[in-house]
Amino acid sequence: MAMRRCDTVDLAETGPCLCHSPGFARLNALVEAKFSRRSFLAGASAILGGASLYLTEASAAIPAPPAAPVVFRNIQLFDGVSKTLQSGLQLVVKDNLIDTIEQAGAPLPDGATIIDGHGGTLMPGLIDAHWHSMMAALPMSELMTADIGYITLIAAEEAHRTLLRGFTSIRDMAGPSFALKRAIDSGLNAGPRIWPSGAMISQTSGHGDFRFPYEIPSPPAAPLSHSETLGADMIADGVDQVLKRVREQLMLGASQIKLAAGGGVTSHYDPLDVSQYTEAEFRAAVACAENWHTYVTVHAYTSRAIQTAVHSGVRCIEHGQLMDEATARLLAEKDVWLCLQAFLDNQFANPHPEGSKNRAKQLAMFAGTDRAYQLARHYKIKTAWGTDILFNPAMTKNQGAILTTLTRWYGNADILRMATGTNGTLLQLCGPRSPYPGKIGVLEKGAYADLLLVDGNPLTDITLIANPDRNFKIIMKDGRFYKNTLAA
């Protein structure tokens, strides 16, 4: 297939032609090449690589990397693992990694930029292990009717704000965040690192079924619903459909897979107590994920939903507020992660209308939060933390403040460890499917230079995290300053 040429066109009359440009010539050569799998993939890679280079060079949203190593001095260091601060140290960032952590006063790299921390706390960037990049900053009514372009633009703005709240990494727990992630990674938009799940896979009538009653019964060849078309959720019934939908999300770039294993609060058709999917269906999803060397996590509140998933090989449970002691013991024995949220009927709740079925489900779930945290601590379950803010643009600003409510169950040091080093360990559960293979959530040699400089000591005053505008003097991600209020 040859592309149109303009050899016979009078350029004096028509003006300069696009096909005389070097870029068009390269594209023309690619298209005219033999259309084999190898040549197609090679050409696509070249085009995408060139686009990424252009975005990186053209974007004004992404700060340039420092031209020389950066040395943080006069700091108290929280490494994301220890329970105490370390003093008398300096930390050196080179390129996008932590190069060394050494005794203060050690010889400096040539041409180094020195940051005086004025005694503040240098710590890893925060991690939200249950975030919804595409669904947090829009109400459900708009998400169910808007086109994906508008949703992505809103999400891009919120991603920038997420980073400026000190969250340098998030695990996206359902939603079409692949394009947003690509825009951030390529330098088009500022935002956190994203570990995407893609669409949440749900059975008919499950937590991810947002179709309207008039769409039921659905014929065998029924088109996808609006939320499925967007990539927010995907309905799959039976082993064959589950396999297909899991494989599709992996193809799109999911770092882990999420299924709905039980009833939900925001969904309309499933009571909170119901279990969803059979062991056979879960095993299909798990086998598919394990073939890609990653894992399945599930939305589940109740003991039956959790146990069915765990017995099928699921590696992580999202929520778990209504589990009993036997289920907590099972999680500990099987070494399964629990990503738990501080859902309480407080100022950070997202209340459904009084008297509604959703409100009744919400109150029942709230009532189980204390017990779930107590069980998690008693049985030493590997516990991660996330906010799970949904459909509430007024609430996203409270992301850090919600973290501070964990003082109901944990000390300050344990809270900060959970939101940094522990969550970072969960992120790497996806093994080679991790989009960022370096160390996350810790300050140590070779880890990504994702860090915060806090004005004060959050180990003694955790509320400092709740006001990032005032208390975060520096926000660095991948070795770049996204906020720096201190003179070099």
Protein backbone atom coordinates (compact mmCIF):
# COMPACT_ATOMS: atom_id res chain seq x y z
CA MET A 1 0.00 0.00 0.00
CA ALA A 2 1.63 3.25 -1.14
CA MET A 3 0.68 6.59 0.35
CA ARG A 4 -0.31 9.56 -1.80
CA ARG A 5 2.52 11.57 -3.27
CA CYS A 6 2.44 15.14 -4.50
CA ASP A 7 4.93 14.94 -7.38
CA THR A 8 2.48 16.50 -9.82
CA VAL A 9 1.03 19.15 -7.49
CA ASP A 10 1.85 22.82 -8.18
CA LEU A 11 3.23 23.92 -4.79
CA ALA A 12 3.16 27.53 -5.88
CA GLU A 13 -0.62 27.29 -5.87
CA THR A 14 -1.17 24.93 -2.95
CA GLY A 15 1.62 25.96 -0.58
CA PRO A 16 4.00 23.62 1.24
CA CYS A 17 2.83 20.02 1.40
CA LEU A 18 2.99 17.84 4.51
CA CYS A 19 4.50 14.95 2.61
CA HIS A 20 7.71 16.94 2.02
CA SER A 21 8.37 16.97 5.76
CA PRO A 22 10.97 14.57 7.21
CA GLY A 23 8.38 13.23 9.65
CA PHE A 24 5.99 12.30 6.84
CA ALA A 25 8.78 10.69 4.88
CA ARG A 26 9.64 8.45 7.82
CA LEU A 27 5.99 7.53 8.33
CA ASN A 28 5.59 6.79 4.60
CA ALA A 29 8.59 4.46 4.70
CA LEU A 30 7.14 2.60 7.67
CA VAL A 31 3.77 2.09 6.00
CA GLU A 32 5.31 0.95 2.71
CA ALA A 33 7.51 -1.61 4.50
CA LYS A 34 6.46 -5.22 4.38
CA PHE A 35 3.51 -5.49 6.79
CA SER A 36 4.86 -8.44 8.76
CA ARG A 37 4.43 -8.81 12.54
CA ARG A 38 8.09 -7.97 13.04
CA SER A 39 8.10 -4.86 10.89
CA PHE A 40 4.79 -3.65 12.34
CA LEU A 41 5.98 -4.00 15.93
CA ALA A 42 9.32 -2.40 15.17
CA GLY A 43 7.63 0.53 13.45
CA ALA A 44 5.09 1.01 16.22
CA SER A 45 7.86 0.98 18.80
CA ALA A 46 9.79 3.62 16.91
CA ILE A 47 6.76 5.87 16.56
CA LEU A 48 5.78 5.54 20.22
CA GLY A 49 9.36 6.10 21.32
CA GLY A 50 9.52 9.28 19.29
CA ALA A 51 6.24 10.45 20.78
CA SER A 52 7.49 9.83 24.31
CA LEU A 53 10.63 11.82 23.58
CA TYR A 54 8.56 14.70 22.25
CA LEU A 55 6.30 14.72 25.30
CA THR A 56 9.24 14.68 27.69
CA GLU A 57 10.87 17.59 25.94
CA ALA A 58 7.73 19.62 25.36
CA SER A 59 5.91 19.44 28.67
CA ALA A 60 6.16 22.35 31.06
CA ALA A 61 4.38 20.41 33.82
CA ILE A 62 7.41 18.25 34.61
CA PRO A 63 10.43 19.91 36.24
CA ALA A 64 13.82 19.25 34.76
CA PRO A 65 16.03 16.85 36.70
CA PRO A 66 18.77 18.48 38.78
CA ALA A 67 21.93 18.97 36.77
CA ALA A 68 24.10 17.69 39.62
CA PRO A 69 23.74 15.39 42.63
CA VAL A 70 21.55 16.71 45.45
CA VAL A 71 22.69 16.41 49.07
CA PHE A 72 20.20 16.69 51.94
CA ARG A 73 21.90 17.80 55.16
CA ASN A 74 20.77 18.92 58.61
CA ILE A 75 17.92 16.42 58.61
CA GLN A 76 16.25 13.78 60.74
CA LEU A 77 15.81 10.67 58.60
CA PHE A 78 12.82 8.31 58.62
CA ASP A 79 13.67 5.40 56.34
CA GLY A 80 10.20 3.81 56.00
CA VAL A 81 11.22 0.75 58.00
CA SER A 82 12.55 1.85 61.40
CA LYS A 83 10.38 3.10 64.25
CA THR A 84 12.71 5.95 65.13
CA LEU A 85 14.39 8.85 63.36
CA GLN A 86 18.08 8.76 62.54
CA SER A 87 20.23 11.84 62.98
CA GLY A 88 23.75 12.78 61.97
CA LEU A 89 23.28 11.63 58.38
CA GLN A 90 23.22 13.14 54.91
CA LEU A 91 21.45 11.66 51.91
CA VAL A 92 22.71 11.99 48.35
CA VAL A 93 20.41 11.78 45.32
CA LYS A 94 22.00 11.12 41.94
CA ASP A 95 19.82 11.07 38.85
CA ASN A 96 16.55 9.42 39.98
CA LEU A 97 17.96 7.19 42.73
CA ILE A 98 19.26 7.50 46.27
CA ASP A 99 23.00 7.19 45.78
CA THR A 100 24.24 7.09 49.36
CA ILE A 101 23.19 7.63 52.96
CA GLU A 102 26.28 8.50 54.95
CA GLN A 103 27.55 10.35 57.96
CA ALA A 104 27.04 14.08 57.87
CA GLY A 105 30.17 15.87 56.77
CA ALA A 106 31.29 13.16 54.35
CA PRO A 107 32.93 14.53 51.18
CA LEU A 108 30.39 15.90 48.71
CA PRO A 109 30.09 14.90 45.05
CA ASP A 110 31.56 17.40 42.62
CA GLY A 111 29.17 20.27 41.91
CA ALA A 112 26.55 18.97 44.34
CA THR A 113 23.49 21.02 45.22
CA ILE A 114 23.16 21.18 49.01
CA ILE A 115 19.72 21.32 50.65
CA ASP A 116 19.69 22.44 54.28
CA GLY A 117 16.74 20.66 55.87
CA HIS A 118 16.75 22.94 58.96
CA GLY A 119 16.26 19.90 61.18
CA GLY A 120 13.16 18.67 59.36
CA THR A 121 12.24 15.05 58.70
CA LEU A 122 13.30 13.48 55.41
CA MET A 123 11.05 10.52 54.67
CA PRO A 124 9.85 8.39 51.72
CA GLY A 125 6.96 9.65 49.63
CA LEU A 126 3.57 8.42 50.82
CA ILE A 127 1.81 5.49 49.13
CA ASP A 128 -1.96 4.99 48.87
CA ALA A 129 -2.49 1.29 48.22
CA HIS A 130 -6.20 1.61 47.39
CA TRP A 131 -6.76 4.66 45.22
CA HIS A 132 -9.06 5.31 42.27
CA SER A 133 -7.30 7.73 39.94
CA MET A 134 -10.23 7.95 37.53
CA MET A 135 -13.12 7.83 40.01
CA ALA A 136 -12.10 9.90 43.02
CA ALA A 137 -12.66 13.41 41.69
CA LEU A 138 -15.98 13.04 39.86
CA PRO A 139 -19.43 12.23 41.28
CA MET A 140 -20.95 8.95 40.13
CA SER A 141 -23.63 10.73 38.09
CA GLU A 142 -20.96 12.32 35.91
CA LEU A 143 -18.83 9.19 35.67
CA MET A 144 -21.82 7.21 34.42
CA THR A 145 -22.58 9.71 31.66
CA ALA A 146 -19.32 11.45 30.70
CA ASP A 147 -16.99 10.43 27.90
CA ILE A 148 -13.56 9.03 28.65
CA GLY A 149 -11.78 12.15 27.40
CA TYR A 150 -13.42 14.41 29.97
CA ILE A 151 -12.92 11.85 32.75
CA THR A 152 -9.23 11.56 31.92
CA LEU A 153 -8.73 15.34 31.91
CA ILE A 154 -10.28 15.61 35.38
CA ALA A 155 -8.19 12.66 36.57
CA ALA A 156 -5.01 14.27 35.24
CA GLU A 157 -5.63 17.40 37.29
CA GLU A 158 -6.36 15.30 40.37
CA ALA A 159 -3.18 13.27 39.79
CA HIS A 160 -1.13 16.46 40.01
CA ARG A 161 -2.86 17.38 43.26
CA THR A 162 -2.30 13.84 44.56
CA LEU A 163 1.44 14.26 44.05
CA LEU A 164 1.41 17.65 45.77
CA ARG A 165 -0.22 16.00 48.79
CA GLY A 166 2.96 13.94 49.08
CA PHE A 167 1.64 10.72 47.54
CA THR A 168 4.36 9.74 45.10
CA SER A 169 2.89 6.27 44.40
CA ILE A 170 -0.57 4.75 44.28
CA ARG A 171 -2.04 1.32 43.55
CA ASP A 172 -5.07 1.93 41.35
CA MET A 173 -7.85 -0.44 42.39
CA ALA A 174 -10.19 -0.21 39.39
CA GLY A 175 -10.59 2.18 36.54
CA PRO A 176 -9.25 3.04 33.08
CA SER A 177 -6.01 4.58 34.34
CA PHE A 178 -3.69 3.21 31.64
CA ALA A 179 -3.66 6.40 29.54
CA LEU A 180 -3.19 8.58 32.62
CA LYS A 181 -0.29 6.43 33.77
CA ARG A 182 1.32 6.66 30.34
CA ALA A 183 0.93 10.45 30.31
CA ILE A 184 2.60 10.70 33.73
CA ASP A 185 5.42 8.30 32.90
CA SER A 186 6.14 9.99 29.57
CA GLY A 187 6.32 13.44 31.12
CA LEU A 188 3.10 14.91 29.76
CA ASN A 189 1.43 15.24 33.16
CA ALA A 190 2.60 15.46 36.77
CA GLY A 191 1.33 12.74 39.06
CA PRO A 192 2.26 9.75 41.19
CA ARG A 193 3.56 6.42 40.00
CA ILE A 194 0.56 4.21 39.20
CA TRP A 195 0.25 0.45 39.61
CA PRO A 196 -2.93 -0.08 37.53
CA SER A 197 -5.49 -2.87 37.90
CA GLY A 198 -7.61 -1.82 34.94
CA ALA A 199 -11.28 -2.75 35.02
CA MET A 200 -12.59 -4.52 38.10
CA ILE A 201 -13.94 -7.88 36.97
CA SER A 202 -17.38 -8.69 38.35
CA GLN A 203 -20.06 -11.30 37.97
CA THR A 204 -23.54 -10.35 36.81
CA SER A 205 -25.32 -8.67 39.76
CA GLY A 206 -21.96 -8.19 41.47
CA HIS A 207 -20.18 -5.18 42.90
CA GLY A 208 -19.06 -4.08 39.44
CA ASP A 209 -22.40 -4.44 37.68
CA PHE A 210 -23.69 -0.90 37.08
CA ARG A 211 -26.12 -1.71 34.29
CA PHE A 212 -29.70 -0.56 34.52
CA PRO A 213 -32.55 -3.01 35.19
CA TYR A 214 -33.99 -2.43 31.72
CA GLU A 215 -30.80 -3.95 30.27
CA ILE A 216 -31.64 -7.30 31.89
CA PRO A 217 -31.96 -9.97 30.62
CA SER A 218 -29.05 -9.32 28.33
CA PRO A 219 -28.96 -11.23 25.04
CA PRO A 220 -25.86 -13.31 24.25
CA ALA A 221 -24.47 -10.69 21.88
CA ALA A 222 -25.42 -7.66 24.00
CA PRO A 223 -23.08 -4.66 23.65
CA LEU A 224 -20.93 -3.57 26.56
CA SER A 225 -22.47 -1.21 29.09
CA HIS A 226 -21.19 2.36 29.38
CA SER A 227 -19.01 1.62 32.42
CA GLU A 228 -17.56 -1.42 30.67
CA THR A 229 -16.83 0.63 27.56
CA LEU A 230 -15.00 3.15 29.73
CA GLY A 231 -12.94 0.35 31.31
CA ALA A 232 -14.17 0.93 34.85
CA ASP A 233 -15.55 -2.58 35.28
CA MET A 234 -16.08 -5.70 33.22
CA ILE A 235 -18.81 -8.33 33.61
CA ALA A 236 -17.63 -11.94 33.34
CA ASP A 237 -19.62 -15.08 34.21
CA GLY A 238 -18.05 -18.52 34.13
CA VAL A 239 -14.48 -19.68 33.80
CA ASP A 240 -14.12 -18.90 30.10
CA GLN A 241 -15.31 -15.30 30.41
CA VAL A 242 -13.17 -14.69 33.49
CA LEU A 243 -10.10 -15.96 31.66
CA LYS A 244 -10.79 -13.68 28.72
CA ARG A 245 -11.38 -10.55 30.80
CA VAL A 246 -8.32 -11.14 32.98
CA ARG A 247 -6.16 -11.63 29.91
CA GLU A 248 -7.50 -8.42 28.40
CA GLN A 249 -6.50 -6.38 31.46
CA LEU A 250 -3.05 -7.95 31.45
CA MET A 251 -2.73 -7.09 27.77
CA LEU A 252 -3.59 -3.47 28.53
CA GLY A 253 -0.87 -3.32 31.18
CA ALA A 254 -2.46 -4.27 34.51
CA SER A 255 0.17 -4.82 37.18
CA GLN A 256 -2.31 -6.83 39.25
CA ILE A 257 -5.87 -8.06 38.71
CA LYS A 258 -8.91 -7.14 40.79
CA LEU A 259 -12.14 -9.13 41.08
CA ALA A 260 -15.24 -8.42 43.14
CA ALA A 261 -15.74 -11.29 45.60
CA GLY A 262 -18.66 -9.96 47.61
CA GLY A 263 -21.32 -7.33 48.15
CA GLY A 264 -20.51 -3.64 48.08
CA VAL A 265 -21.73 -0.36 49.53
CA THR A 266 -21.88 1.79 46.38
CA SER A 267 -23.32 -0.94 44.13
CA HIS A 268 -27.08 -1.30 43.95
CA TYR A 269 -27.96 -4.95 43.34
CA ASP A 270 -25.78 -6.88 45.78
CA PRO A 271 -26.53 -6.98 49.52
CA LEU A 272 -23.45 -6.64 51.69
CA ASP A 273 -23.61 -10.24 52.92
CA VAL A 274 -23.56 -11.96 49.52
CA SER A 275 -20.56 -13.84 48.15
CA GLN A 276 -19.65 -13.53 44.49
CA TYR A 277 -17.83 -15.91 42.16
CA THR A 278 -17.09 -19.57 42.72
CA GLU A 279 -13.74 -21.14 43.55
CA ALA A 280 -13.47 -22.36 39.96
CA GLU A 281 -13.84 -18.83 38.62
CA PHE A 282 -11.33 -17.45 41.13
CA ARG A 283 -8.86 -20.22 40.31
CA ALA A 284 -9.13 -19.32 36.63
CA ALA A 285 -8.25 -15.70 37.36
CA VAL A 286 -5.44 -16.70 39.71
CA ALA A 287 -3.93 -19.14 37.19
CA CYS A 288 -4.08 -16.49 34.49
CA ALA A 289 -2.38 -13.89 36.71
CA GLU A 290 0.24 -16.35 37.90
CA ASN A 291 1.09 -17.18 34.29
CA TRP A 292 2.07 -13.51 34.09
CA HIS A 293 3.91 -13.72 37.44
CA THR A 294 1.50 -11.42 39.21
CA TYR A 295 -1.47 -11.79 41.56
CA VAL A 296 -5.20 -11.36 42.10
CA THR A 297 -6.72 -9.14 44.76
CA VAL A 298 -10.44 -9.01 45.58
CA HIS A 299 -13.04 -6.66 46.98
CA ALA A 300 -14.53 -8.55 49.94
CA TYR A 301 -16.04 -7.68 53.31
CA THR A 302 -17.45 -10.92 54.67
CA SER A 303 -15.85 -14.13 55.94
CA ARG A 304 -17.36 -16.36 53.27
CA ALA A 305 -16.29 -14.08 50.43
CA ILE A 306 -12.76 -13.81 51.83
CA GLN A 307 -12.38 -17.53 52.52
CA THR A 308 -13.61 -18.55 49.06
CA ALA A 309 -11.07 -16.23 47.49
CA VAL A 310 -8.19 -17.29 49.74
CA HIS A 311 -8.85 -21.01 49.18
CA SER A 312 -8.65 -20.25 45.44
CA GLY A 313 -5.18 -18.69 45.63
CA VAL A 314 -6.03 -14.98 45.88
CA ARG A 315 -3.07 -13.10 47.41
CA CYS A 316 -4.69 -9.92 48.75
CA ILE A 317 -8.02 -8.84 50.24
CA GLU A 318 -9.34 -5.30 49.87
CA HIS A 319 -11.43 -4.21 52.90
CA GLY A 320 -12.35 -7.18 55.13
CA GLN A 321 -14.40 -5.17 57.64
CA LEU A 322 -16.86 -8.00 58.36
CA MET A 323 -14.44 -10.91 58.72
CA ASP A 324 -14.55 -13.17 61.75
CA GLU A 325 -11.68 -14.53 63.83
CA ALA A 326 -11.37 -17.77 61.88
CA THR A 327 -10.97 -15.78 58.67
CA ALA A 328 -8.32 -13.54 60.19
CA ARG A 329 -6.46 -16.65 61.30
CA LEU A 330 -6.69 -18.01 57.75
CA LEU A 331 -5.20 -14.83 56.30
CA ALA A 332 -2.28 -15.09 58.69
CA GLU A 333 -1.72 -18.78 58.01
CA LYS A 334 -1.83 -18.34 54.23
CA ASP A 335 0.32 -15.19 54.35
CA VAL A 336 -2.35 -13.23 52.47
CA TRP A 337 -2.24 -9.44 52.42
CA LEU A 338 -5.08 -7.34 53.83
CA CYS A 339 -5.46 -3.84 52.41
CA LEU A 340 -7.66 -2.26 55.06
CA GLN A 341 -9.26 1.19 55.12
CA ALA A 342 -10.14 3.33 58.13
CA PHE A 343 -13.83 3.44 57.22
CA LEU A 344 -15.62 5.23 60.07
CA ASP A 345 -18.73 7.37 60.32
CA ASN A 346 -16.66 10.50 60.79
CA GLN A 347 -15.90 13.75 58.98
CA PHE A 348 -14.13 11.81 56.24
CA ALA A 349 -17.01 9.48 55.47
CA ASN A 350 -18.83 9.67 52.15
CA PRO A 351 -22.36 9.14 53.47
CA HIS A 352 -25.14 7.78 51.31
CA PRO A 353 -28.64 9.28 51.74
CA GLU A 354 -30.25 8.50 55.08
CA GLY A 355 -32.78 5.71 54.83
CA SER A 356 -31.32 4.31 51.63
CA LYS A 357 -30.19 0.70 51.23
CA ASN A 358 -26.70 1.93 50.46
CA ARG A 359 -26.62 3.88 53.74
CA ALA A 360 -27.69 0.79 55.70
CA LYS A 361 -24.90 -1.23 54.06
CA GLN A 362 -22.44 1.56 54.79
CA LEU A 363 -23.30 1.71 58.49
CA ALA A 364 -22.97 -2.07 58.80
CA MET A 365 -19.54 -1.89 57.19
CA PHE A 366 -18.46 1.02 59.42
CA ALA A 367 -19.42 -1.02 62.47
CA GLY A 368 -16.92 -3.71 61.52
CA THR A 369 -13.87 -1.50 61.06
CA ASP A 370 -12.68 -1.55 64.68
CA ARG A 371 -12.95 -5.33 64.90
CA ALA A 372 -11.11 -5.81 61.60
CA TYR A 373 -8.14 -3.73 62.73
CA GLN A 374 -8.06 -5.50 66.08
CA LEU A 375 -7.97 -8.89 64.35
CA ALA A 376 -5.32 -7.73 61.89
CA ARG A 377 -3.07 -6.64 64.74
CA HIS A 378 -3.74 -9.69 66.92
CA TYR A 379 -2.92 -12.19 64.16
CA LYS A 380 -0.10 -10.08 62.70
CA ILE A 381 -1.68 -10.06 59.25
CA LYS A 382 0.34 -8.24 56.60
CA THR A 383 -1.73 -5.05 56.57
CA ALA A 384 -1.57 -2.31 53.97
CA TRP A 385 -3.50 0.95 53.89
CA GLY A 386 -5.48 2.93 51.33
CA THR A 387 -8.19 5.56 51.26
CA ASP A 388 -10.61 4.20 48.63
CA ILE A 389 -12.06 7.66 48.01
CA LEU A 390 -14.83 7.34 45.42
CA PHE A 391 -17.10 9.80 43.60
CA ASN A 392 -16.32 12.72 45.93
CA PRO A 393 -14.19 15.59 44.56
CA ALA A 394 -14.48 17.47 47.85
CA MET A 395 -12.87 14.61 49.78
CA THR A 396 -9.63 14.04 47.85
CA LYS A 397 -7.87 16.89 49.65
CA ASN A 398 -8.21 14.85 52.86
CA GLN A 399 -6.07 11.97 51.61
CA GLY A 400 -3.32 12.59 54.17
CA ALA A 401 -5.75 13.47 56.93
CA ILE A 402 -7.48 10.11 56.49
CA LEU A 403 -4.12 8.43 57.11
CA THR A 404 -3.89 10.16 60.49
CA THR A 405 -7.13 8.51 61.67
CA LEU A 406 -5.17 5.26 62.01
CA THR A 407 -4.06 6.57 65.43
CA ARG A 408 -7.22 4.86 66.68
CA TRP A 409 -5.30 1.53 66.28
CA TYR A 410 -1.60 2.29 65.72
CA GLY A 411 1.22 4.47 66.92
CA ASN A 412 2.58 7.19 64.68
CA ALA A 413 5.68 5.25 63.64
CA ASP A 414 3.63 2.21 62.64
CA ILE A 415 1.26 4.41 60.62
CA LEU A 416 4.12 6.01 58.69
CA ARG A 417 5.76 2.62 58.12
CA MET A 418 2.48 1.27 56.75
CA ALA A 419 2.05 4.19 54.32
CA THR A 420 5.64 3.92 53.08
CA GLY A 421 7.71 0.75 53.47
CA THR A 422 4.85 -1.69 54.02
CA ASN A 423 2.74 -0.39 51.16
CA GLY A 424 5.87 -0.39 49.02
CA THR A 425 6.34 -4.10 49.71
CA LEU A 426 2.75 -4.75 48.60
CA LEU A 427 3.33 -2.82 45.37
CA GLN A 428 6.16 -5.18 44.47
CA LEU A 429 3.96 -8.26 44.92
CA CYS A 430 3.34 -8.06 41.17
CA GLY A 431 6.95 -9.05 40.53
CA PRO A 432 8.10 -8.49 36.95
CA ARG A 433 4.76 -6.87 36.08
CA SER A 434 5.70 -3.90 38.26
CA PRO A 435 5.97 -0.88 35.98
CA TYR A 436 8.70 0.52 38.24
CA PRO A 437 11.18 -2.20 39.23
CA GLY A 438 13.18 -0.12 41.73
CA LYS A 439 12.75 -0.02 45.50
CA ILE A 440 9.70 1.96 46.64
CA GLY A 441 8.65 3.35 50.00
CA VAL A 442 12.08 3.36 51.66
CA LEU A 443 15.11 5.59 51.94
CA GLU A 444 18.07 3.37 51.20
CA LYS A 445 20.82 3.13 48.65
CA GLY A 446 19.45 2.27 45.22
CA ALA A 447 15.82 3.16 46.02
CA TYR A 448 13.89 5.61 43.87
CA ALA A 449 14.40 9.20 44.96
CA ASP A 450 10.74 9.68 45.95
CA LEU A 451 10.86 11.64 49.18
CA LEU A 452 9.37 14.36 51.35
CA LEU A 453 10.98 16.91 53.65
CA VAL A 454 8.55 17.60 56.48
CA ASP A 455 8.79 20.71 58.63
CA GLY A 456 8.76 18.94 61.98
CA ASN A 457 8.64 15.39 63.27
CA PRO A 458 5.61 13.35 62.11
CA LEU A 459 6.60 10.52 64.45
CA THR A 460 5.62 12.75 67.35
CA ASP A 461 2.95 14.79 65.51
CA ILE A 462 1.26 12.72 62.82
CA THR A 463 -1.13 15.58 62.02
CA LEU A 464 1.69 17.23 60.06
CA ILE A 465 0.77 14.83 57.25
CA ALA A 466 -2.75 16.26 57.12
CA ASN A 467 -1.57 19.69 55.93
CA PRO A 468 0.89 19.13 53.09
CA ASP A 469 0.62 22.68 51.75
CA ARG A 470 2.07 24.06 54.96
CA ASN A 471 4.26 21.23 56.25
CA PHE A 472 5.84 19.59 53.19
CA LYS A 473 8.78 21.79 52.28
CA ILE A 474 10.06 19.49 49.56
CA ILE A 475 8.28 16.92 47.41
CA MET A 476 10.63 14.96 45.17
CA LYS A 477 9.62 12.18 42.79
CA ASP A 478 12.07 10.29 40.61
CA GLY A 479 14.81 12.72 41.61
CA ARG A 480 12.87 15.80 40.44
CA PHE A 481 11.64 18.64 42.65
CA TYR A 482 7.88 19.05 42.31
CA LYS A 483 7.90 21.34 45.32
CA ASN A 484 10.87 23.06 46.92
CA THR A 485 10.38 25.95 49.31
CA LEU A 486 13.97 25.88 50.58
CA ALA A 487 16.80 27.81 48.98
CA ALA A 488 19.62 25.61 47.74
